[in-house]
Each structure stands twice: as C-alpha cells, then as structure tokens.
Amino acid sequence: MAITASGLFGITLKASLNNTIALDLEAEDMKVAMITDSASPDFDAWDYWADASANEVSGTGYTAGGMALSTTTLTVGAPAAGQLKWDAADAAWTTSTITNAMASVVYADAIASDPLVCLHDFVTAASTTAGTFTIVWASNGLAYFDY
C-alpha cells in the first residue's frame, strides 16, 4: 500500500498564503478525482494535478479529471471555536464501475497547472459495479484549520 495518509498539499497552501496563486476554497472550480494505490503521494513535493493524474482510476461512469465539487463553503467557528471548516457536497458517480480507488484528490481546476489542495485516503480500496460510488466528506468537512 503506497497511500498511507490524508493531508493538505503544503506547496499549494504556502503559495496561496504568499499570494503567488489565488486559491479560492469557496469557488466552484474545485474538482475531486480518485487515484489508485499505485500512487506514492508526497505532500511536500507534489504541487499539481499532473503529479497525481498518472495514477487516476478509470471506469464506466467516471470521467478523467474527476468531477466539480459543488456547494463549497467556509464556516468560521466550525467544527469548533477557533477553527475554519472547508466543506462541499458529497461527490457521487452514478451508474459507475470503478475498481481500486484508494484516495480522492482535490485540486483547483481553474488555476494554471491545477494546483493540488488535499488528499483523502480511503484506507482500503473501494469499487463499484454498475452502482453509485459516493465520497461522503467527514462531518469536519474536507479540511479544517485552526486560527
């Protein structure tokens, strides 16, 4: 198993904080895609979707590059006081046949080179056969930040 953790991609967040890219977590141009266990994510070195896309899943009902996130929101004071929650509607690929999905990768599709934002490890490989593959985000959202 090559994928061993979920996390935020440091290069993208650092560039955003330094104003070298305009990352808007509430924009509707964020995408979620899925990768297989053959990937070896490096949260300090991977910075663009091209770093992950070679390990993208494929299958009926799944579109290369993933799908747009919808209903993205930032909530101050959630999941607890002193935190900022980033959330979106759950992602679902209906009538899909997908095998060996090990993680989801969220990236900013409308920004040059598609910078990576975060990865969520599924822990065990997930599949569908002519069914709906759904990623249900945790109650804490896609990510949360202490402030």
N, C-alpha and C. Protein backbone atom coordinates (compact mmCIF):
# COMPACT_ATOMS: atom_id res chain seq x y z
N MET A 1 0.85 -1.18 0.00
CA MET A 1 0.00 0.00 0.00
C MET A 1 0.89 1.24 0.00
N ALA A 2 0.76 2.06 -1.02
CA ALA A 2 1.60 3.25 -1.13
C ALA A 2 0.97 4.47 -0.48
N ILE A 3 -0.34 4.55 -0.47
CA ILE A 3 -1.00 5.71 0.15
C ILE A 3 -1.18 5.39 1.63
N THR A 4 -0.64 6.25 2.47
CA THR A 4 -0.68 5.95 3.90
C THR A 4 -1.25 7.07 4.75
N ALA A 5 -1.65 8.17 4.15
CA ALA A 5 -2.15 9.28 4.97
C ALA A 5 -2.98 10.24 4.14
N SER A 6 -3.86 10.95 4.82
CA SER A 6 -4.61 12.04 4.22
C SER A 6 -3.91 13.33 4.60
N GLY A 7 -4.09 14.39 3.83
CA GLY A 7 -3.49 15.65 4.22
C GLY A 7 -3.63 16.74 3.19
N LEU A 8 -3.08 17.88 3.54
CA LEU A 8 -3.08 19.06 2.68
C LEU A 8 -1.74 19.14 1.97
N PHE A 9 -1.76 19.58 0.73
CA PHE A 9 -0.52 19.75 -0.02
C PHE A 9 0.10 21.09 0.34
N GLY A 10 1.23 21.04 1.02
CA GLY A 10 1.88 22.23 1.56
C GLY A 10 2.28 23.26 0.54
N ILE A 11 2.72 22.84 -0.63
CA ILE A 11 3.19 23.78 -1.64
C ILE A 11 2.05 24.69 -2.09
N THR A 12 0.88 24.12 -2.34
CA THR A 12 -0.27 24.91 -2.78
C THR A 12 -0.70 25.89 -1.70
N LEU A 13 -0.79 25.42 -0.47
CA LEU A 13 -1.23 26.31 0.61
C LEU A 13 -0.22 27.42 0.87
N LYS A 14 1.05 27.10 0.80
CA LYS A 14 2.08 28.13 1.00
C LYS A 14 2.01 29.16 -0.12
N ALA A 15 1.84 28.72 -1.35
CA ALA A 15 1.72 29.65 -2.48
C ALA A 15 0.49 30.53 -2.33
N SER A 16 -0.60 29.97 -1.83
CA SER A 16 -1.81 30.74 -1.63
C SER A 16 -1.60 31.80 -0.55
N LEU A 17 -0.99 31.40 0.56
CA LEU A 17 -0.74 32.35 1.64
C LEU A 17 0.24 33.44 1.24
N ASN A 18 1.15 33.12 0.34
CA ASN A 18 2.12 34.11 -0.14
C ASN A 18 1.61 34.91 -1.34
N ASN A 19 0.34 34.68 -1.69
CA ASN A 19 -0.32 35.38 -2.80
C ASN A 19 0.35 35.15 -4.15
N THR A 20 0.99 33.99 -4.34
CA THR A 20 1.54 33.68 -5.66
C THR A 20 0.53 32.91 -6.51
N ILE A 21 -0.52 32.36 -5.88
CA ILE A 21 -1.68 31.84 -6.61
C ILE A 21 -2.92 32.32 -5.86
N ALA A 22 -3.99 32.50 -6.58
CA ALA A 22 -5.24 32.96 -5.97
C ALA A 22 -6.14 31.76 -5.73
N LEU A 23 -5.97 31.10 -4.61
CA LEU A 23 -6.75 29.90 -4.28
C LEU A 23 -7.99 30.32 -3.52
N ASP A 24 -9.16 30.09 -4.13
CA ASP A 24 -10.44 30.43 -3.51
C ASP A 24 -11.16 29.14 -3.17
N LEU A 25 -11.13 28.74 -1.90
CA LEU A 25 -11.71 27.47 -1.49
C LEU A 25 -13.23 27.42 -1.64
N GLU A 26 -13.87 28.57 -1.77
CA GLU A 26 -15.32 28.58 -1.97
C GLU A 26 -15.72 28.62 -3.44
N ALA A 27 -14.74 28.74 -4.32
CA ALA A 27 -15.04 28.81 -5.75
C ALA A 27 -15.57 27.47 -6.24
N GLU A 28 -16.42 27.52 -7.22
CA GLU A 28 -16.99 26.30 -7.77
C GLU A 28 -16.10 25.70 -8.87
N ASP A 29 -14.80 25.98 -8.81
CA ASP A 29 -13.89 25.41 -9.80
C ASP A 29 -12.97 24.38 -9.19
N MET A 30 -13.30 23.90 -8.01
CA MET A 30 -12.55 22.83 -7.36
C MET A 30 -13.05 21.51 -7.91
N LYS A 31 -12.13 20.58 -8.14
CA LYS A 31 -12.51 19.26 -8.63
C LYS A 31 -12.01 18.19 -7.67
N VAL A 32 -12.70 17.05 -7.67
CA VAL A 32 -12.27 15.88 -6.92
C VAL A 32 -12.11 14.74 -7.91
N ALA A 33 -10.96 14.09 -7.84
CA ALA A 33 -10.68 12.93 -8.68
C ALA A 33 -10.22 11.81 -7.76
N MET A 34 -10.13 10.62 -8.30
CA MET A 34 -9.68 9.48 -7.49
C MET A 34 -8.44 8.85 -8.09
N ILE A 35 -7.57 8.36 -7.20
CA ILE A 35 -6.35 7.70 -7.63
C ILE A 35 -6.26 6.31 -7.02
N THR A 36 -5.41 5.48 -7.63
CA THR A 36 -5.22 4.10 -7.18
C THR A 36 -4.09 4.04 -6.16
N ASP A 37 -3.90 2.86 -5.60
CA ASP A 37 -2.87 2.64 -4.60
C ASP A 37 -1.46 2.60 -5.20
N SER A 38 -1.35 2.66 -6.51
CA SER A 38 -0.01 2.69 -7.12
C SER A 38 0.66 4.05 -6.94
N ALA A 39 -0.09 5.04 -6.48
CA ALA A 39 0.46 6.37 -6.23
C ALA A 39 1.26 6.39 -4.92
N SER A 40 2.26 7.22 -4.88
CA SER A 40 3.04 7.46 -3.66
C SER A 40 3.04 8.97 -3.41
N PRO A 41 1.95 9.50 -2.85
CA PRO A 41 1.83 10.95 -2.67
C PRO A 41 2.95 11.53 -1.79
N ASP A 42 3.41 12.69 -2.20
CA ASP A 42 4.40 13.43 -1.44
C ASP A 42 3.82 14.81 -1.16
N PHE A 43 3.36 15.01 0.07
CA PHE A 43 2.66 16.25 0.43
C PHE A 43 3.57 17.48 0.37
N ASP A 44 4.88 17.28 0.38
CA ASP A 44 5.81 18.41 0.31
C ASP A 44 6.31 18.68 -1.11
N ALA A 45 6.21 17.69 -1.99
CA ALA A 45 6.75 17.86 -3.34
C ALA A 45 5.69 17.92 -4.43
N TRP A 46 4.59 17.18 -4.28
CA TRP A 46 3.54 17.24 -5.28
C TRP A 46 2.87 18.60 -5.20
N ASP A 47 2.67 19.23 -6.35
CA ASP A 47 2.00 20.53 -6.32
C ASP A 47 0.88 20.66 -7.35
N TYR A 48 0.89 19.85 -8.41
CA TYR A 48 -0.12 19.99 -9.46
C TYR A 48 -0.81 18.66 -9.76
N TRP A 49 -2.01 18.74 -10.34
CA TRP A 49 -2.77 17.56 -10.68
C TRP A 49 -1.94 16.60 -11.53
N ALA A 50 -1.06 17.11 -12.38
CA ALA A 50 -0.21 16.26 -13.21
C ALA A 50 0.63 15.30 -12.36
N ASP A 51 0.95 15.67 -11.12
CA ASP A 51 1.72 14.79 -10.24
C ASP A 51 0.92 13.56 -9.82
N ALA A 52 -0.40 13.68 -9.77
CA ALA A 52 -1.27 12.59 -9.31
C ALA A 52 -1.98 11.88 -10.45
N SER A 53 -2.19 12.56 -11.57
CA SER A 53 -3.07 12.05 -12.62
C SER A 53 -2.60 10.75 -13.27
N ALA A 54 -1.31 10.45 -13.23
CA ALA A 54 -0.83 9.19 -13.82
C ALA A 54 -1.40 7.98 -13.09
N ASN A 55 -1.87 8.18 -11.86
CA ASN A 55 -2.42 7.10 -11.06
C ASN A 55 -3.94 7.19 -10.91
N GLU A 56 -4.57 7.96 -11.79
CA GLU A 56 -6.02 8.14 -11.70
C GLU A 56 -6.77 6.85 -12.03
N VAL A 57 -7.88 6.62 -11.33
CA VAL A 57 -8.72 5.46 -11.63
C VAL A 57 -9.39 5.68 -12.99
N SER A 58 -9.94 4.63 -13.52
CA SER A 58 -10.74 4.74 -14.75
C SER A 58 -11.90 3.77 -14.61
N GLY A 59 -12.88 3.95 -15.44
CA GLY A 59 -14.01 3.04 -15.41
C GLY A 59 -15.25 3.67 -16.01
N THR A 60 -16.25 2.85 -16.20
CA THR A 60 -17.52 3.30 -16.72
C THR A 60 -18.16 4.28 -15.74
N GLY A 61 -18.64 5.39 -16.24
CA GLY A 61 -19.30 6.37 -15.38
C GLY A 61 -18.35 7.31 -14.66
N TYR A 62 -17.05 7.14 -14.86
CA TYR A 62 -16.06 8.02 -14.25
C TYR A 62 -15.40 8.82 -15.36
N THR A 63 -15.32 10.13 -15.20
CA THR A 63 -14.70 11.00 -16.19
C THR A 63 -13.29 11.34 -15.77
N ALA A 64 -12.34 11.19 -16.67
CA ALA A 64 -10.95 11.55 -16.37
C ALA A 64 -10.88 12.99 -15.87
N GLY A 65 -10.13 13.20 -14.82
CA GLY A 65 -10.03 14.52 -14.20
C GLY A 65 -11.02 14.71 -13.08
N GLY A 66 -11.91 13.74 -12.89
CA GLY A 66 -12.86 13.80 -11.78
C GLY A 66 -14.07 14.67 -12.07
N MET A 67 -14.67 15.18 -10.99
CA MET A 67 -15.88 15.99 -11.12
C MET A 67 -15.74 17.27 -10.29
N ALA A 68 -16.52 18.26 -10.67
CA ALA A 68 -16.51 19.53 -9.93
C ALA A 68 -17.14 19.34 -8.56
N LEU A 69 -16.51 19.93 -7.56
CA LEU A 69 -17.15 19.98 -6.24
C LEU A 69 -18.26 21.02 -6.31
N SER A 70 -19.32 20.78 -5.57
CA SER A 70 -20.40 21.76 -5.52
C SER A 70 -20.68 22.14 -4.08
N THR A 71 -21.32 23.27 -3.91
CA THR A 71 -21.71 23.78 -2.60
C THR A 71 -20.51 23.91 -1.67
N THR A 72 -19.39 24.41 -2.19
CA THR A 72 -18.22 24.60 -1.35
C THR A 72 -18.44 25.78 -0.41
N THR A 73 -18.09 25.59 0.85
CA THR A 73 -18.30 26.63 1.85
C THR A 73 -17.14 26.69 2.84
N LEU A 74 -16.94 27.86 3.39
CA LEU A 74 -16.03 28.07 4.51
C LEU A 74 -16.88 28.54 5.68
N THR A 75 -16.72 27.91 6.84
CA THR A 75 -17.51 28.27 8.01
C THR A 75 -16.59 28.59 9.17
N VAL A 76 -16.68 29.81 9.67
CA VAL A 76 -15.88 30.23 10.83
C VAL A 76 -16.51 29.65 12.09
N GLY A 77 -15.68 29.16 13.00
CA GLY A 77 -16.16 28.61 14.26
C GLY A 77 -16.64 27.17 14.14
N ALA A 78 -16.25 26.49 13.08
CA ALA A 78 -16.63 25.08 12.91
C ALA A 78 -15.40 24.31 12.44
N PRO A 79 -15.23 23.08 12.82
CA PRO A 79 -16.14 22.30 13.65
C PRO A 79 -16.15 22.71 15.13
N ALA A 80 -15.24 23.59 15.52
CA ALA A 80 -15.23 24.07 16.91
C ALA A 80 -14.75 25.52 16.92
N ALA A 81 -14.90 26.16 18.05
CA ALA A 81 -14.42 27.55 18.18
C ALA A 81 -12.94 27.61 17.83
N GLY A 82 -12.54 28.66 17.14
CA GLY A 82 -11.15 28.83 16.76
C GLY A 82 -10.74 28.02 15.54
N GLN A 83 -11.73 27.50 14.80
CA GLN A 83 -11.43 26.72 13.61
C GLN A 83 -12.23 27.23 12.41
N LEU A 84 -11.71 26.94 11.24
CA LEU A 84 -12.35 27.28 9.98
C LEU A 84 -12.57 25.98 9.22
N LYS A 85 -13.83 25.69 8.88
CA LYS A 85 -14.18 24.44 8.20
C LYS A 85 -14.38 24.68 6.71
N TRP A 86 -13.76 23.86 5.89
CA TRP A 86 -13.95 23.88 4.45
C TRP A 86 -14.74 22.63 4.08
N ASP A 87 -15.89 22.81 3.44
CA ASP A 87 -16.75 21.68 3.15
C ASP A 87 -17.33 21.80 1.74
N ALA A 88 -17.93 20.72 1.29
CA ALA A 88 -18.59 20.68 -0.02
C ALA A 88 -19.63 19.57 0.02
N ALA A 89 -20.49 19.57 -0.99
CA ALA A 89 -21.46 18.48 -1.12
C ALA A 89 -20.70 17.19 -1.41
N ASP A 90 -21.24 16.07 -0.95
CA ASP A 90 -20.63 14.79 -1.23
C ASP A 90 -20.55 14.59 -2.75
N ALA A 91 -19.54 13.86 -3.20
CA ALA A 91 -19.34 13.60 -4.63
C ALA A 91 -19.86 12.22 -4.96
N ALA A 92 -20.59 12.07 -6.07
CA ALA A 92 -21.14 10.77 -6.44
C ALA A 92 -21.05 10.55 -7.95
N TRP A 93 -20.56 9.38 -8.32
CA TRP A 93 -20.53 8.94 -9.70
C TRP A 93 -21.59 7.86 -9.83
N THR A 94 -22.69 8.17 -10.48
CA THR A 94 -23.80 7.22 -10.59
C THR A 94 -23.56 6.23 -11.73
N THR A 95 -24.15 5.09 -11.63
CA THR A 95 -24.04 4.03 -12.63
C THR A 95 -22.59 3.84 -13.05
N SER A 96 -21.72 3.68 -12.06
CA SER A 96 -20.29 3.58 -12.34
C SER A 96 -19.76 2.18 -12.04
N THR A 97 -18.71 1.83 -12.77
CA THR A 97 -17.93 0.64 -12.47
C THR A 97 -16.49 1.11 -12.33
N ILE A 98 -16.05 1.20 -11.10
CA ILE A 98 -14.73 1.73 -10.77
C ILE A 98 -14.06 0.71 -9.86
N THR A 99 -12.78 0.43 -10.11
CA THR A 99 -12.07 -0.51 -9.25
C THR A 99 -10.80 0.12 -8.68
N ASN A 100 -10.43 -0.34 -7.51
CA ASN A 100 -9.17 0.02 -6.87
C ASN A 100 -9.00 1.52 -6.59
N ALA A 101 -10.06 2.20 -6.22
CA ALA A 101 -9.94 3.61 -5.82
C ALA A 101 -9.41 3.64 -4.38
N MET A 102 -8.26 4.26 -4.18
CA MET A 102 -7.65 4.29 -2.85
C MET A 102 -7.73 5.66 -2.17
N ALA A 103 -7.90 6.72 -2.95
CA ALA A 103 -7.91 8.06 -2.36
C ALA A 103 -8.58 9.04 -3.31
N SER A 104 -9.07 10.13 -2.72
CA SER A 104 -9.57 11.24 -3.53
C SER A 104 -8.55 12.36 -3.46
N VAL A 105 -8.45 13.09 -4.54
CA VAL A 105 -7.55 14.23 -4.62
C VAL A 105 -8.38 15.44 -5.04
N VAL A 106 -8.28 16.52 -4.27
CA VAL A 106 -9.00 17.75 -4.59
C VAL A 106 -7.98 18.75 -5.15
N TYR A 107 -8.35 19.37 -6.26
CA TYR A 107 -7.45 20.35 -6.87
C TYR A 107 -8.25 21.51 -7.45
N ALA A 108 -7.56 22.64 -7.65
CA ALA A 108 -8.17 23.85 -8.19
C ALA A 108 -8.06 23.81 -9.71
N ASP A 109 -9.16 23.48 -10.37
CA ASP A 109 -9.16 23.25 -11.81
C ASP A 109 -8.99 24.51 -12.64
N ALA A 110 -9.42 25.64 -12.18
CA ALA A 110 -9.39 26.86 -13.00
C ALA A 110 -8.10 27.66 -12.86
N ILE A 111 -7.21 27.22 -12.02
CA ILE A 111 -5.94 27.93 -11.82
C ILE A 111 -4.87 27.24 -12.65
N ALA A 112 -3.93 28.00 -13.20
CA ALA A 112 -2.88 27.45 -14.05
C ALA A 112 -2.24 26.21 -13.43
N SER A 113 -2.12 25.17 -14.20
CA SER A 113 -1.49 23.90 -13.85
C SER A 113 -2.27 23.08 -12.82
N ASP A 114 -3.44 23.53 -12.39
CA ASP A 114 -4.31 22.76 -11.49
C ASP A 114 -3.63 22.37 -10.17
N PRO A 115 -3.37 23.34 -9.28
CA PRO A 115 -2.69 23.02 -8.03
C PRO A 115 -3.51 22.09 -7.13
N LEU A 116 -2.81 21.14 -6.51
CA LEU A 116 -3.42 20.20 -5.57
C LEU A 116 -3.73 20.89 -4.26
N VAL A 117 -4.84 20.52 -3.64
CA VAL A 117 -5.22 21.09 -2.34
C VAL A 117 -5.13 20.04 -1.24
N CYS A 118 -5.80 18.90 -1.43
CA CYS A 118 -5.76 17.88 -0.38
C CYS A 118 -6.01 16.49 -0.94
N LEU A 119 -5.66 15.50 -0.13
CA LEU A 119 -5.86 14.10 -0.46
C LEU A 119 -6.55 13.43 0.71
N HIS A 120 -7.50 12.57 0.42
CA HIS A 120 -8.21 11.80 1.45
C HIS A 120 -8.02 10.32 1.16
N ASP A 121 -7.31 9.64 2.05
CA ASP A 121 -7.03 8.21 1.92
C ASP A 121 -8.28 7.42 2.30
N PHE A 122 -8.71 6.47 1.46
CA PHE A 122 -9.87 5.64 1.75
C PHE A 122 -9.51 4.49 2.70
N VAL A 123 -8.25 4.28 2.98
CA VAL A 123 -7.69 3.23 3.85
C VAL A 123 -7.73 1.86 3.17
N THR A 124 -8.84 1.48 2.61
CA THR A 124 -8.91 0.24 1.82
C THR A 124 -9.48 0.58 0.45
N ALA A 125 -9.09 -0.20 -0.53
CA ALA A 125 -9.55 0.05 -1.90
C ALA A 125 -11.06 -0.06 -1.99
N ALA A 126 -11.66 0.83 -2.75
CA ALA A 126 -13.11 0.85 -2.93
C ALA A 126 -13.45 0.66 -4.39
N SER A 127 -14.58 0.02 -4.65
CA SER A 127 -15.01 -0.26 -6.01
C SER A 127 -16.52 -0.18 -6.12
N THR A 128 -17.01 -0.04 -7.35
CA THR A 128 -18.43 -0.17 -7.65
C THR A 128 -18.58 -1.00 -8.91
N THR A 129 -19.70 -1.66 -9.03
CA THR A 129 -20.05 -2.38 -10.25
C THR A 129 -21.46 -1.97 -10.62
N ALA A 130 -21.57 -1.14 -11.66
CA ALA A 130 -22.86 -0.62 -12.12
C ALA A 130 -23.66 -0.04 -10.95
N GLY A 131 -22.98 0.72 -10.11
CA GLY A 131 -23.62 1.33 -8.95
C GLY A 131 -23.14 2.75 -8.75
N THR A 132 -23.49 3.32 -7.62
CA THR A 132 -23.08 4.70 -7.32
C THR A 132 -21.88 4.69 -6.39
N PHE A 133 -20.80 5.33 -6.82
CA PHE A 133 -19.61 5.50 -5.99
C PHE A 133 -19.73 6.88 -5.36
N THR A 134 -19.85 6.91 -4.04
CA THR A 134 -20.05 8.19 -3.34
C THR A 134 -18.92 8.44 -2.37
N ILE A 135 -18.39 9.65 -2.40
CA ILE A 135 -17.43 10.09 -1.38
C ILE A 135 -18.22 10.96 -0.41
N VAL A 136 -18.35 10.49 0.81
CA VAL A 136 -19.05 11.24 1.85
C VAL A 136 -17.99 11.94 2.69
N TRP A 137 -17.96 13.25 2.62
CA TRP A 137 -16.98 14.01 3.39
C TRP A 137 -17.29 13.88 4.88
N ALA A 138 -16.27 13.89 5.69
CA ALA A 138 -16.42 13.77 7.14
C ALA A 138 -17.23 14.95 7.69
N SER A 139 -17.77 14.79 8.88
CA SER A 139 -18.56 15.87 9.49
C SER A 139 -17.70 17.11 9.71
N ASN A 140 -16.38 16.94 9.76
CA ASN A 140 -15.46 18.08 9.89
C ASN A 140 -15.14 18.71 8.55
N GLY A 141 -15.77 18.23 7.47
CA GLY A 141 -15.56 18.78 6.14
C GLY A 141 -14.37 18.18 5.41
N LEU A 142 -14.01 18.79 4.29
CA LEU A 142 -12.85 18.35 3.54
C LEU A 142 -11.58 18.61 4.34
N ALA A 143 -11.58 19.72 5.05
CA ALA A 143 -10.44 20.10 5.89
C ALA A 143 -10.90 21.17 6.87
N TYR A 144 -10.18 21.27 7.96
CA TYR A 144 -10.42 22.40 8.86
C TYR A 144 -9.09 22.93 9.36
N PHE A 145 -9.09 24.20 9.66
CA PHE A 145 -7.88 24.90 10.01
C PHE A 145 -8.07 25.58 11.36
N ASP A 146 -7.06 25.52 12.21
CA ASP A 146 -7.08 26.28 13.47
C ASP A 146 -6.63 27.70 13.19
N TYR A 147 -7.25 28.65 13.85
CA TYR A 147 -6.82 30.05 13.71
C TYR A 147 -6.71 30.72 15.04
